Amino acid sequence: MGTAPTPPRPHAHAYQLFGPASRVDVTDQIPVDHENLSWVTTARDANRFQRALLAGRPLSARQPAETKQTVPVSAEVKQL
């Protein structure tokens, strides 16, 4: 884990729409909170981890099936 205040490049960008035709790059405004398990990585590393996770490599034998189960969510979460 580095200490740079910005994500390593190349990286994916996060955009916020503040009205019609007002796309703002907010990538550098996303806080990283290590205590609450937020993290910053490159898109390449995130994709590599996701592929490994879906293939069950970093998990025990029963856990991959659990990661693919859906659960009910509240109406508030559905709006997100």
PDB file of N, CA and C in Angstrom:
ATOM      1  N   MET A   1       0.840  -1.165   0.000  1.00  0.00           N
ATOM      2  CA  MET A   1       0.000   0.000   0.000  1.00  0.00           C
ATOM      3  C   MET A   1       0.889   1.234   0.000  1.00  0.00           C
ATOM      4  N   GLY A   2       0.649   2.114  -0.911  1.00  0.00           N
ATOM      5  CA  GLY A   2       1.431   3.334  -0.984  1.00  0.00           C
ATOM      6  C   GLY A   2       0.832   4.444  -0.147  1.00  0.00           C
ATOM      7  N   THR A   3       1.496   5.567  -0.183  1.00  0.00           N
ATOM      8  CA  THR A   3       1.014   6.709   0.590  1.00  0.00           C
ATOM      9  C   THR A   3       0.654   7.891  -0.309  1.00  0.00           C
ATOM     10  N   ALA A   4       0.619   7.674  -1.610  1.00  0.00           N
ATOM     11  CA  ALA A   4       0.282   8.758  -2.543  1.00  0.00           C
ATOM     12  C   ALA A   4      -1.163   9.198  -2.324  1.00  0.00           C
ATOM     13  N   PRO A   5      -1.450  10.490  -2.445  1.00  0.00           N
ATOM     14  CA  PRO A   5      -2.819  10.974  -2.246  1.00  0.00           C
ATOM     15  C   PRO A   5      -3.738  10.729  -3.444  1.00  0.00           C
ATOM     16  N   THR A   6      -3.197  10.226  -4.539  1.00  0.00           N
ATOM     17  CA  THR A   6      -3.994   9.945  -5.728  1.00  0.00           C
ATOM     18  C   THR A   6      -3.787   8.496  -6.147  1.00  0.00           C
ATOM     19  N   PRO A   7      -4.714   7.931  -6.916  1.00  0.00           N
ATOM     20  CA  PRO A   7      -4.566   6.544  -7.365  1.00  0.00           C
ATOM     21  C   PRO A   7      -3.386   6.405  -8.323  1.00  0.00           C
ATOM     22  N   PRO A   8      -2.765   5.223  -8.342  1.00  0.00           N
ATOM     23  CA  PRO A   8      -1.694   5.002  -9.309  1.00  0.00           C
ATOM     24  C   PRO A   8      -2.269   4.999 -10.722  1.00  0.00           C
ATOM     25  N   ARG A   9      -1.493   5.448 -11.670  1.00  0.00           N
ATOM     26  CA  ARG A   9      -1.948   5.497 -13.059  1.00  0.00           C
ATOM     27  C   ARG A   9      -1.414   4.299 -13.821  1.00  0.00           C
ATOM     28  N   PRO A  10      -2.136   3.762 -14.776  1.00  0.00           N
ATOM     29  CA  PRO A  10      -3.471   4.174 -15.181  1.00  0.00           C
ATOM     30  C   PRO A  10      -4.521   3.698 -14.175  1.00  0.00           C
ATOM     31  N   HIS A  11      -5.628   4.388 -14.086  1.00  0.00           N
ATOM     32  CA  HIS A  11      -6.705   4.005 -13.184  1.00  0.00           C
ATOM     33  C   HIS A  11      -8.041   4.412 -13.785  1.00  0.00           C
ATOM     34  N   ALA A  12      -9.089   3.806 -13.269  1.00  0.00           N
ATOM     35  CA  ALA A  12     -10.434   4.175 -13.700  1.00  0.00           C
ATOM     36  C   ALA A  12     -10.783   5.528 -13.083  1.00  0.00           C
ATOM     37  N   HIS A  13     -11.721   6.206 -13.683  1.00  0.00           N
ATOM     38  CA  HIS A  13     -12.160   7.507 -13.177  1.00  0.00           C
ATOM     39  C   HIS A  13     -13.592   7.412 -12.671  1.00  0.00           C
ATOM     40  N   ALA A  14     -13.916   8.241 -11.700  1.00  0.00           N
ATOM     41  CA  ALA A  14     -15.279   8.358 -11.189  1.00  0.00           C
ATOM     42  C   ALA A  14     -15.807   9.722 -11.614  1.00  0.00           C
ATOM     43  N   TYR A  15     -17.023   9.738 -12.117  1.00  0.00           N
ATOM     44  CA  TYR A  15     -17.615  10.989 -12.584  1.00  0.00           C
ATOM     45  C   TYR A  15     -18.928  11.243 -11.859  1.00  0.00           C
ATOM     46  N   GLN A  16     -19.222  12.497 -11.625  1.00  0.00           N
ATOM     47  CA  GLN A  16     -20.483  12.922 -11.020  1.00  0.00           C
ATOM     48  C   GLN A  16     -21.168  13.868 -11.996  1.00  0.00           C
ATOM     49  N   LEU A  17     -22.469  13.658 -12.197  1.00  0.00           N
ATOM     50  CA  LEU A  17     -23.238  14.557 -13.048  1.00  0.00           C
ATOM     51  C   LEU A  17     -23.914  15.594 -12.164  1.00  0.00           C
ATOM     52  N   PHE A  18     -23.630  16.861 -12.402  1.00  0.00           N
ATOM     53  CA  PHE A  18     -24.221  17.936 -11.631  1.00  0.00           C
ATOM     54  C   PHE A  18     -25.234  18.707 -12.466  1.00  0.00           C
ATOM     55  N   GLY A  19     -25.838  18.028 -13.420  1.00  0.00           N
ATOM     56  CA  GLY A  19     -26.820  18.653 -14.303  1.00  0.00           C
ATOM     57  C   GLY A  19     -26.517  18.243 -15.730  1.00  0.00           C
ATOM     58  N   PRO A  20     -27.353  18.661 -16.659  1.00  0.00           N
ATOM     59  CA  PRO A  20     -27.134  18.299 -18.061  1.00  0.00           C
ATOM     60  C   PRO A  20     -25.765  18.774 -18.557  1.00  0.00           C
ATOM     61  N   ALA A  21     -25.035  17.875 -19.164  1.00  0.00           N
ATOM     62  CA  ALA A  21     -23.728  18.175 -19.759  1.00  0.00           C
ATOM     63  C   ALA A  21     -22.747  18.775 -18.754  1.00  0.00           C
ATOM     64  N   SER A  22     -22.800  18.298 -17.515  1.00  0.00           N
ATOM     65  CA  SER A  22     -21.886  18.840 -16.505  1.00  0.00           C
ATOM     66  C   SER A  22     -21.142  17.716 -15.789  1.00  0.00           C
ATOM     67  N   ARG A  23     -20.547  16.845 -16.548  1.00  0.00           N
ATOM     68  CA  ARG A  23     -19.802  15.712 -15.985  1.00  0.00           C
ATOM     69  C   ARG A  23     -18.502  16.221 -15.360  1.00  0.00           C
ATOM     70  N   VAL A  24     -18.303  15.901 -14.077  1.00  0.00           N
ATOM     71  CA  VAL A  24     -17.118  16.339 -13.353  1.00  0.00           C
ATOM     72  C   VAL A  24     -16.348  15.112 -12.877  1.00  0.00           C
ATOM     73  N   ASP A  25     -15.051  15.078 -13.146  1.00  0.00           N
ATOM     74  CA  ASP A  25     -14.195  13.990 -12.683  1.00  0.00           C
ATOM     75  C   ASP A  25     -13.960  14.177 -11.184  1.00  0.00           C
ATOM     76  N   VAL A  26     -14.477  13.260 -10.379  1.00  0.00           N
ATOM     77  CA  VAL A  26     -14.347  13.350  -8.919  1.00  0.00           C
ATOM     78  C   VAL A  26     -13.432  12.255  -8.372  1.00  0.00           C
ATOM     79  N   THR A  27     -12.632  11.661  -9.243  1.00  0.00           N
ATOM     80  CA  THR A  27     -11.758  10.565  -8.834  1.00  0.00           C
ATOM     81  C   THR A  27     -10.904  10.940  -7.638  1.00  0.00           C
ATOM     82  N   ASP A  28     -10.255  12.079  -7.693  1.00  0.00           N
ATOM     83  CA  ASP A  28      -9.349  12.472  -6.613  1.00  0.00           C
ATOM     84  C   ASP A  28     -10.081  12.966  -5.377  1.00  0.00           C
ATOM     85  N   GLN A  29     -11.410  13.084  -5.445  1.00  0.00           N
ATOM     86  CA  GLN A  29     -12.186  13.545  -4.299  1.00  0.00           C
ATOM     87  C   GLN A  29     -12.776  12.396  -3.494  1.00  0.00           C
ATOM     88  N   ILE A  30     -12.561  11.165  -3.929  1.00  0.00           N
ATOM     89  CA  ILE A  30     -13.090  10.011  -3.220  1.00  0.00           C
ATOM     90  C   ILE A  30     -12.150   9.698  -2.058  1.00  0.00           C
ATOM     91  N   PRO A  31     -12.634   9.809  -0.814  1.00  0.00           N
ATOM     92  CA  PRO A  31     -11.745   9.570   0.325  1.00  0.00           C
ATOM     93  C   PRO A  31     -11.406   8.095   0.478  1.00  0.00           C
ATOM     94  N   VAL A  32     -10.215   7.839   0.930  1.00  0.00           N
ATOM     95  CA  VAL A  32      -9.787   6.477   1.236  1.00  0.00           C
ATOM     96  C   VAL A  32      -9.754   6.368   2.751  1.00  0.00           C
ATOM     97  N   ASP A  33     -10.540   5.458   3.294  1.00  0.00           N
ATOM     98  CA  ASP A  33     -10.645   5.277   4.740  1.00  0.00           C
ATOM     99  C   ASP A  33     -10.219   3.858   5.071  1.00  0.00           C
ATOM    100  N   HIS A  34      -8.961   3.688   5.455  1.00  0.00           N
ATOM    101  CA  HIS A  34      -8.420   2.353   5.711  1.00  0.00           C
ATOM    102  C   HIS A  34      -9.113   1.665   6.881  1.00  0.00           C
ATOM    103  N   GLU A  35      -9.615   2.418   7.847  1.00  0.00           N
ATOM    104  CA  GLU A  35     -10.284   1.817   8.998  1.00  0.00           C
ATOM    105  C   GLU A  35     -11.604   1.173   8.619  1.00  0.00           C
ATOM    106  N   ASN A  36     -12.258   1.679   7.578  1.00  0.00           N
ATOM    107  CA  ASN A  36     -13.537   1.126   7.145  1.00  0.00           C
ATOM    108  C   ASN A  36     -13.413   0.331   5.850  1.00  0.00           C
ATOM    109  N   LEU A  37     -12.216  -0.103   5.558  1.00  0.00           N
ATOM    110  CA  LEU A  37     -11.933  -1.015   4.443  1.00  0.00           C
ATOM    111  C   LEU A  37     -12.192  -0.439   3.061  1.00  0.00           C
ATOM    112  N   SER A  38     -12.144   0.865   2.894  1.00  0.00           N
ATOM    113  CA  SER A  38     -12.187   1.398   1.539  1.00  0.00           C
ATOM    114  C   SER A  38     -10.785   1.282   0.965  1.00  0.00           C
ATOM    115  N   TRP A  39     -10.685   1.193  -0.349  1.00  0.00           N
ATOM    116  CA  TRP A  39      -9.366   0.999  -0.953  1.00  0.00           C
ATOM    117  C   TRP A  39      -9.355   1.608  -2.340  1.00  0.00           C
ATOM    118  N   VAL A  40      -8.154   1.878  -2.784  1.00  0.00           N
ATOM    119  CA  VAL A  40      -7.943   2.422  -4.120  1.00  0.00           C
ATOM    120  C   VAL A  40      -6.984   1.485  -4.833  1.00  0.00           C
ATOM    121  N   THR A  41      -7.292   1.176  -6.070  1.00  0.00           N
ATOM    122  CA  THR A  41      -6.437   0.306  -6.849  1.00  0.00           C
ATOM    123  C   THR A  41      -6.572   0.673  -8.316  1.00  0.00           C
ATOM    124  N   THR A  42      -5.800   0.018  -9.134  1.00  0.00           N
ATOM    125  CA  THR A  42      -5.940   0.233 -10.569  1.00  0.00           C
ATOM    126  C   THR A  42      -7.071  -0.642 -11.091  1.00  0.00           C
ATOM    127  N   ALA A  43      -7.652  -0.259 -12.221  1.00  0.00           N
ATOM    128  CA  ALA A  43      -8.702  -1.071 -12.828  1.00  0.00           C
ATOM    129  C   ALA A  43      -8.159  -2.459 -13.169  1.00  0.00           C
ATOM    130  N   ARG A  44      -6.910  -2.528 -13.607  1.00  0.00           N
ATOM    131  CA  ARG A  44      -6.304  -3.819 -13.956  1.00  0.00           C
ATOM    132  C   ARG A  44      -6.246  -4.738 -12.742  1.00  0.00           C
ATOM    133  N   ASP A  45      -5.785  -4.213 -11.600  1.00  0.00           N
ATOM    134  CA  ASP A  45      -5.707  -5.034 -10.396  1.00  0.00           C
ATOM    135  C   ASP A  45      -7.094  -5.426  -9.884  1.00  0.00           C
ATOM    136  N   ALA A  46      -8.047  -4.503  -9.962  1.00  0.00           N
ATOM    137  CA  ALA A  46      -9.405  -4.817  -9.517  1.00  0.00           C
ATOM    138  C   ALA A  46     -10.005  -5.917 -10.388  1.00  0.00           C
ATOM    139  N   ASN A  47      -9.777  -5.855 -11.693  1.00  0.00           N
ATOM    140  CA  ASN A  47     -10.279  -6.898 -12.592  1.00  0.00           C
ATOM    141  C   ASN A  47      -9.617  -8.236 -12.323  1.00  0.00           C
ATOM    142  N   ARG A  48      -8.319  -8.219 -12.072  1.00  0.00           N
ATOM    143  CA  ARG A  48      -7.600  -9.458 -11.775  1.00  0.00           C
ATOM    144  C   ARG A  48      -8.144 -10.090 -10.492  1.00  0.00           C
ATOM    145  N   PHE A  49      -8.367  -9.268  -9.463  1.00  0.00           N
ATOM    146  CA  PHE A  49      -8.919  -9.783  -8.211  1.00  0.00           C
ATOM    147  C   PHE A  49     -10.322 -10.335  -8.419  1.00  0.00           C
ATOM    148  N   GLN A  50     -11.172  -9.602  -9.168  1.00  0.00           N
ATOM    149  CA  GLN A  50     -12.543 -10.060  -9.409  1.00  0.00           C
ATOM    150  C   GLN A  50     -12.560 -11.392 -10.154  1.00  0.00           C
ATOM    151  N   ARG A  51     -11.698 -11.534 -11.162  1.00  0.00           N
ATOM    152  CA  ARG A  51     -11.631 -12.820 -11.880  1.00  0.00           C
ATOM    153  C   ARG A  51     -11.218 -13.949 -10.940  1.00  0.00           C
ATOM    154  N   ALA A  52     -10.225 -13.699 -10.092  1.00  0.00           N
ATOM    155  CA  ALA A  52      -9.781 -14.722  -9.138  1.00  0.00           C
ATOM    156  C   ALA A  52     -10.887 -15.038  -8.140  1.00  0.00           C
ATOM    157  N   LEU A  53     -11.598 -14.006  -7.681  1.00  0.00           N
ATOM    158  CA  LEU A  53     -12.676 -14.216  -6.713  1.00  0.00           C
ATOM    159  C   LEU A  53     -13.782 -15.069  -7.317  1.00  0.00           C
ATOM    160  N   LEU A  54     -14.205 -14.751  -8.538  1.00  0.00           N
ATOM    161  CA  LEU A  54     -15.272 -15.516  -9.181  1.00  0.00           C
ATOM    162  C   LEU A  54     -14.837 -16.936  -9.523  1.00  0.00           C
ATOM    163  N   ALA A  55     -13.538 -17.138  -9.706  1.00  0.00           N
ATOM    164  CA  ALA A  55     -13.024 -18.490  -9.961  1.00  0.00           C
ATOM    165  C   ALA A  55     -12.811 -19.262  -8.662  1.00  0.00           C
ATOM    166  N   GLY A  56     -12.971 -18.568  -7.518  1.00  0.00           N
ATOM    167  CA  GLY A  56     -12.847 -19.241  -6.226  1.00  0.00           C
ATOM    168  C   GLY A  56     -11.432 -19.399  -5.730  1.00  0.00           C
ATOM    169  N   ARG A  57     -10.467 -18.720  -6.320  1.00  0.00           N
ATOM    170  CA  ARG A  57      -9.079 -18.934  -5.917  1.00  0.00           C
ATOM    171  C   ARG A  57      -8.733 -18.403  -4.526  1.00  0.00           C
ATOM    172  N   PRO A  58      -9.137 -17.192  -4.127  1.00  0.00           N
ATOM    173  CA  PRO A  58      -8.717 -16.737  -2.800  1.00  0.00           C
ATOM    174  C   PRO A  58      -9.655 -17.175  -1.669  1.00  0.00           C
ATOM    175  N   LEU A  59     -10.575 -18.111  -1.946  1.00  0.00           N
ATOM    176  CA  LEU A  59     -11.586 -18.489  -0.966  1.00  0.00           C
ATOM    177  C   LEU A  59     -11.538 -19.964  -0.631  1.00  0.00           C
ATOM    178  N   SER A  60     -12.208 -20.317   0.463  1.00  0.00           N
ATOM    179  CA  SER A  60     -12.344 -21.738   0.814  1.00  0.00           C
ATOM    180  C   SER A  60     -13.306 -22.399  -0.167  1.00  0.00           C
ATOM    181  N   ALA A  61     -13.456 -23.696  -0.072  1.00  0.00           N
ATOM    182  CA  ALA A  61     -14.255 -24.452  -1.038  1.00  0.00           C
ATOM    183  C   ALA A  61     -15.721 -24.034  -1.088  1.00  0.00           C
ATOM    184  N   ARG A  62     -16.335 -23.663   0.027  1.00  0.00           N
ATOM    185  CA  ARG A  62     -17.765 -23.331   0.026  1.00  0.00           C
ATOM    186  C   ARG A  62     -18.047 -21.858  -0.233  1.00  0.00           C
ATOM    187  N   GLN A  63     -17.082 -20.991  -0.080  1.00  0.00           N
ATOM    188  CA  GLN A  63     -17.326 -19.563  -0.176  1.00  0.00           C
ATOM    189  C   GLN A  63     -17.659 -19.033  -1.577  1.00  0.00           C
ATOM    190  N   PRO A  64     -17.103 -19.567  -2.671  1.00  0.00           N
ATOM    191  CA  PRO A  64     -17.464 -19.009  -3.986  1.00  0.00           C
ATOM    192  C   PRO A  64     -18.957 -19.038  -4.269  1.00  0.00           C
ATOM    193  N   ALA A  65     -19.642 -20.108  -3.900  1.00  0.00           N
ATOM    194  CA  ALA A  65     -21.088 -20.179  -4.128  1.00  0.00           C
ATOM    195  C   ALA A  65     -21.810 -19.095  -3.332  1.00  0.00           C
ATOM    196  N   GLU A  66     -21.340 -18.820  -2.127  1.00  0.00           N
ATOM    197  CA  GLU A  66     -21.966 -17.784  -1.312  1.00  0.00           C
ATOM    198  C   GLU A  66     -21.817 -16.401  -1.936  1.00  0.00           C
ATOM    199  N   THR A  67     -20.724 -16.151  -2.610  1.00  0.00           N
ATOM    200  CA  THR A  67     -20.518 -14.822  -3.204  1.00  0.00           C
ATOM    201  C   THR A  67     -21.437 -14.590  -4.399  1.00  0.00           C
ATOM    202  N   LYS A  68     -22.014 -15.629  -4.941  1.00  0.00           N
ATOM    203  CA  LYS A  68     -22.883 -15.504  -6.104  1.00  0.00           C
ATOM    204  C   LYS A  68     -24.363 -15.554  -5.741  1.00  0.00           C
ATOM    205  N   GLN A  69     -24.688 -15.711  -4.451  1.00  0.00           N
ATOM    206  CA  GLN A  69     -26.084 -15.740  -4.018  1.00  0.00           C
ATOM    207  C   GLN A  69     -26.611 -14.308  -3.903  1.00  0.00           C
ATOM    208  N   THR A  70     -27.855 -14.125  -4.334  1.00  0.00           N
ATOM    209  CA  THR A  70     -28.480 -12.821  -4.180  1.00  0.00           C
ATOM    210  C   THR A  70     -29.291 -12.810  -2.886  1.00  0.00           C
ATOM    211  N   VAL A  71     -29.480 -11.638  -2.359  1.00  0.00           N
ATOM    212  CA  VAL A  71     -30.253 -11.474  -1.130  1.00  0.00           C
ATOM    213  C   VAL A  71     -31.236 -10.334  -1.323  1.00  0.00           C
ATOM    214  N   PRO A  72     -32.351 -10.366  -0.592  1.00  0.00           N
ATOM    215  CA  PRO A  72     -33.313  -9.256  -0.711  1.00  0.00           C
ATOM    216  C   PRO A  72     -32.697  -7.958  -0.196  1.00  0.00           C
ATOM    217  N   VAL A  73     -33.093  -6.854  -0.820  1.00  0.00           N
ATOM    218  CA  VAL A  73     -32.621  -5.540  -0.379  1.00  0.00           C
ATOM    219  C   VAL A  73     -33.824  -4.629  -0.166  1.00  0.00           C
ATOM    220  N   SER A  74     -33.615  -3.583   0.594  1.00  0.00           N
ATOM    221  CA  SER A  74     -34.689  -2.626   0.889  1.00  0.00           C
ATOM    222  C   SER A  74     -34.991  -1.774  -0.339  1.00  0.00           C
ATOM    223  N   ALA A  75     -36.123  -1.111  -0.296  1.00  0.00           N
ATOM    224  CA  ALA A  75     -36.504  -0.208  -1.388  1.00  0.00           C
ATOM    225  C   ALA A  75     -35.501   0.935  -1.507  1.00  0.00           C
ATOM    226  N   GLU A  76     -34.970   1.362  -0.370  1.00  0.00           N
ATOM    227  CA  GLU A  76     -33.979   2.440  -0.382  1.00  0.00           C
ATOM    228  C   GLU A  76     -32.721   2.023  -1.151  1.00  0.00           C
ATOM    229  N   VAL A  77     -32.273   0.814  -0.939  1.00  0.00           N
ATOM    230  CA  VAL A  77     -31.085   0.315  -1.643  1.00  0.00           C
ATOM    231  C   VAL A  77     -31.392   0.142  -3.119  1.00  0.00           C
ATOM    232  N   LYS A  78     -32.570  -0.303  -3.459  1.00  0.00           N
ATOM    233  CA  LYS A  78     -32.944  -0.469  -4.871  1.00  0.00           C
ATOM    234  C   LYS A  78     -32.881   0.852  -5.630  1.00  0.00           C
ATOM    235  N   GLN A  79     -33.123   1.948  -4.949  1.00  0.00           N
ATOM    236  CA  GLN A  79     -33.089   3.249  -5.605  1.00  0.00           C
ATOM    237  C   GLN A  79     -31.685   3.663  -5.969  1.00  0.00           C
ATOM    238  N   LEU A  80     -30.680   3.100  -5.311  1.00  0.00           N
ATOM    239  CA  LEU A  80     -29.308   3.450  -5.614  1.00  0.00           C
ATOM    240  C   LEU A  80     -28.963   2.934  -6.973  1.00  0.00           C
TER     241      LEU A  80
END
